[in-house]
């Protein structure tokens, strides 16, 4: 499966596809606003986000559940 807007991205894992479904503008932990998907890999997905408390860009990596243990 290729995700639109992700250059060079190959087949996503099933878990990666679900995490990649978070739309831009989603707020995580009441602090981080997702701006765009940067990539999908074997361990999870990475988003460009904005830290709303500090007003700075950050990268957010969401791990597959089996990687978080």
N, C-alpha and C. Protein backbone atom coordinates (compact mmCIF):
# COMPACT_ATOMS: atom_id res chain seq x y z
N UNK A 1 0.85 -1.19 0.00
CA UNK A 1 0.00 0.00 0.00
C UNK A 1 0.88 1.23 0.00
N UNK A 2 0.66 2.16 -0.87
CA UNK A 2 1.37 3.42 -0.88
C UNK A 2 0.47 4.50 -0.31
N UNK A 3 1.04 5.35 0.53
CA UNK A 3 0.30 6.42 1.14
C UNK A 3 0.52 7.69 0.35
N UNK A 4 -0.53 8.36 -0.11
CA UNK A 4 -0.36 9.59 -0.87
C UNK A 4 0.44 10.62 -0.09
N UNK A 5 1.34 11.28 -0.77
CA UNK A 5 2.12 12.35 -0.14
C UNK A 5 3.37 11.88 0.57
N UNK A 6 3.66 10.57 0.55
CA UNK A 6 4.86 10.07 1.20
C UNK A 6 5.77 9.53 0.11
N UNK A 7 6.81 10.29 -0.23
CA UNK A 7 7.69 9.90 -1.31
C UNK A 7 8.60 8.76 -0.88
N UNK A 8 8.80 7.79 -1.77
CA UNK A 8 9.71 6.69 -1.52
C UNK A 8 9.20 5.69 -0.51
N UNK A 9 7.97 5.78 -0.11
CA UNK A 9 7.42 4.88 0.90
C UNK A 9 6.94 3.61 0.23
N UNK A 10 7.35 2.46 0.77
CA UNK A 10 6.93 1.18 0.23
C UNK A 10 5.68 0.69 0.91
N UNK A 11 5.53 -0.60 0.99
CA UNK A 11 4.35 -1.18 1.63
C UNK A 11 4.37 -0.89 3.12
N UNK A 12 3.26 -0.37 3.62
CA UNK A 12 3.13 -0.08 5.04
C UNK A 12 2.66 -1.33 5.77
N UNK A 13 3.06 -1.44 7.03
CA UNK A 13 2.54 -2.52 7.85
C UNK A 13 1.08 -2.22 8.18
N UNK A 14 0.34 -3.22 8.59
CA UNK A 14 -1.06 -3.01 8.95
C UNK A 14 -1.18 -1.99 10.07
N UNK A 15 -0.34 -2.11 11.11
CA UNK A 15 -0.37 -1.15 12.20
C UNK A 15 0.00 0.24 11.71
N UNK A 16 1.00 0.33 10.82
CA UNK A 16 1.42 1.62 10.28
C UNK A 16 0.31 2.29 9.51
N UNK A 17 -0.48 1.51 8.79
CA UNK A 17 -1.58 2.10 8.02
C UNK A 17 -2.60 2.74 8.93
N UNK A 18 -2.91 2.10 10.08
CA UNK A 18 -3.89 2.69 10.99
C UNK A 18 -3.35 3.98 11.60
N UNK A 19 -2.11 3.98 12.04
CA UNK A 19 -1.52 5.17 12.64
C UNK A 19 -1.37 6.28 11.61
N UNK A 20 -1.20 5.91 10.34
CA UNK A 20 -1.04 6.89 9.28
C UNK A 20 -2.38 7.52 8.90
N UNK A 21 -3.46 7.03 9.46
CA UNK A 21 -4.79 7.57 9.15
C UNK A 21 -5.13 8.80 9.98
N UNK A 22 -4.24 9.24 10.86
CA UNK A 22 -4.51 10.43 11.66
C UNK A 22 -4.42 11.65 10.75
N UNK A 23 -5.47 12.44 10.66
CA UNK A 23 -5.46 13.58 9.74
C UNK A 23 -4.66 14.76 10.29
N UNK A 24 -4.15 15.61 9.40
CA UNK A 24 -3.51 16.85 9.86
C UNK A 24 -4.48 17.62 10.73
N UNK A 25 -3.94 18.23 11.78
CA UNK A 25 -4.77 18.98 12.72
C UNK A 25 -5.12 18.20 13.97
N UNK A 26 -4.88 16.88 13.95
CA UNK A 26 -5.12 16.06 15.14
C UNK A 26 -4.21 16.54 16.27
N UNK A 27 -4.77 16.68 17.47
CA UNK A 27 -4.00 17.09 18.65
C UNK A 27 -3.71 15.86 19.50
N UNK A 28 -2.44 15.64 19.80
CA UNK A 28 -2.03 14.53 20.66
C UNK A 28 -1.58 15.08 22.01
N UNK A 29 -1.99 14.40 23.08
CA UNK A 29 -1.60 14.75 24.45
C UNK A 29 -1.93 16.19 24.80
N UNK A 30 -2.92 16.78 24.11
CA UNK A 30 -3.33 18.14 24.40
C UNK A 30 -2.27 19.18 24.07
N UNK A 31 -1.22 18.77 23.37
CA UNK A 31 -0.08 19.67 23.17
C UNK A 31 0.49 19.67 21.75
N UNK A 32 0.42 18.55 21.06
CA UNK A 32 1.09 18.42 19.77
C UNK A 32 0.06 18.34 18.64
N UNK A 33 0.13 19.27 17.69
CA UNK A 33 -0.76 19.27 16.54
C UNK A 33 -0.03 18.64 15.35
N UNK A 34 -0.60 17.57 14.81
CA UNK A 34 0.00 16.91 13.66
C UNK A 34 -0.16 17.79 12.43
N UNK A 35 0.95 18.03 11.73
CA UNK A 35 0.93 18.86 10.53
C UNK A 35 0.90 18.02 9.25
N UNK A 36 1.76 17.00 9.17
CA UNK A 36 1.75 16.13 7.99
C UNK A 36 2.54 14.85 8.28
N UNK A 37 2.22 13.82 7.54
CA UNK A 37 2.91 12.55 7.63
C UNK A 37 4.25 12.67 6.92
N UNK A 38 5.32 12.24 7.61
CA UNK A 38 6.65 12.27 7.00
C UNK A 38 7.05 10.91 6.45
N UNK A 39 6.68 9.83 7.14
CA UNK A 39 7.08 8.52 6.67
C UNK A 39 6.50 7.38 7.47
N UNK A 40 6.55 6.20 6.86
CA UNK A 40 6.07 4.98 7.48
C UNK A 40 7.20 3.96 7.39
N UNK A 41 7.49 3.29 8.50
CA UNK A 41 8.54 2.28 8.51
C UNK A 41 8.12 1.06 9.30
N UNK A 42 9.04 0.17 9.49
CA UNK A 42 8.77 -1.08 10.18
C UNK A 42 8.41 -0.91 11.65
N UNK A 43 8.88 0.18 12.27
CA UNK A 43 8.61 0.39 13.69
C UNK A 43 7.40 1.28 13.95
N UNK A 44 6.96 2.03 12.96
CA UNK A 44 5.82 2.91 13.17
C UNK A 44 5.74 3.99 12.12
N UNK A 45 5.17 5.13 12.49
CA UNK A 45 5.02 6.26 11.57
C UNK A 45 5.60 7.52 12.21
N UNK A 46 6.03 8.46 11.35
CA UNK A 46 6.60 9.72 11.83
C UNK A 46 5.81 10.88 11.22
N UNK A 47 5.45 11.82 12.07
CA UNK A 47 4.73 13.02 11.65
C UNK A 47 5.55 14.26 11.94
N UNK A 48 5.39 15.27 11.11
CA UNK A 48 5.84 16.62 11.46
C UNK A 48 4.69 17.20 12.27
N UNK A 49 5.02 17.80 13.40
CA UNK A 49 3.99 18.34 14.29
C UNK A 49 4.46 19.68 14.84
N UNK A 50 3.57 20.34 15.54
CA UNK A 50 3.90 21.59 16.22
C UNK A 50 3.62 21.42 17.70
N UNK A 51 4.62 21.75 18.53
CA UNK A 51 4.42 21.78 19.98
C UNK A 51 3.69 23.09 20.27
N UNK A 52 2.43 22.98 20.64
CA UNK A 52 1.60 24.18 20.84
C UNK A 52 2.01 24.99 22.06
N UNK A 53 2.64 24.37 23.05
CA UNK A 53 3.07 25.11 24.23
C UNK A 53 4.33 25.93 23.96
N UNK A 54 5.24 25.38 23.15
CA UNK A 54 6.49 26.07 22.86
C UNK A 54 6.48 26.79 21.52
N UNK A 55 5.52 26.43 20.65
CA UNK A 55 5.44 27.06 19.34
C UNK A 55 6.57 26.67 18.40
N UNK A 56 7.07 25.45 18.54
CA UNK A 56 8.18 24.99 17.70
C UNK A 56 7.79 23.72 16.95
N UNK A 57 8.40 23.49 15.77
CA UNK A 57 8.15 22.24 15.05
C UNK A 57 8.87 21.09 15.73
N UNK A 58 8.24 19.93 15.72
CA UNK A 58 8.82 18.72 16.29
C UNK A 58 8.48 17.53 15.38
N UNK A 59 9.17 16.43 15.61
CA UNK A 59 8.83 15.18 14.95
C UNK A 59 8.20 14.26 15.99
N UNK A 60 7.12 13.61 15.62
CA UNK A 60 6.42 12.67 16.50
C UNK A 60 6.49 11.29 15.85
N UNK A 61 7.03 10.32 16.57
CA UNK A 61 7.05 8.95 16.07
C UNK A 61 6.06 8.13 16.88
N UNK A 62 5.12 7.51 16.19
CA UNK A 62 4.15 6.63 16.84
C UNK A 62 4.59 5.20 16.56
N UNK A 63 4.93 4.49 17.63
CA UNK A 63 5.43 3.13 17.51
C UNK A 63 4.31 2.12 17.37
N UNK A 64 4.60 1.04 16.64
CA UNK A 64 3.69 -0.11 16.61
C UNK A 64 3.63 -0.65 18.03
N UNK A 65 2.46 -1.15 18.43
CA UNK A 65 2.27 -1.59 19.82
C UNK A 65 3.29 -2.64 20.25
N UNK A 66 3.66 -3.55 19.36
CA UNK A 66 4.63 -4.60 19.75
C UNK A 66 6.04 -4.04 19.92
N UNK A 67 6.32 -2.86 19.42
CA UNK A 67 7.63 -2.23 19.59
C UNK A 67 7.70 -1.43 20.89
N UNK A 68 6.58 -1.09 21.46
CA UNK A 68 6.54 -0.24 22.65
C UNK A 68 6.83 -0.99 23.94
N UNK A 69 6.83 -2.31 23.91
CA UNK A 69 7.07 -3.09 25.14
C UNK A 69 8.50 -3.04 25.60
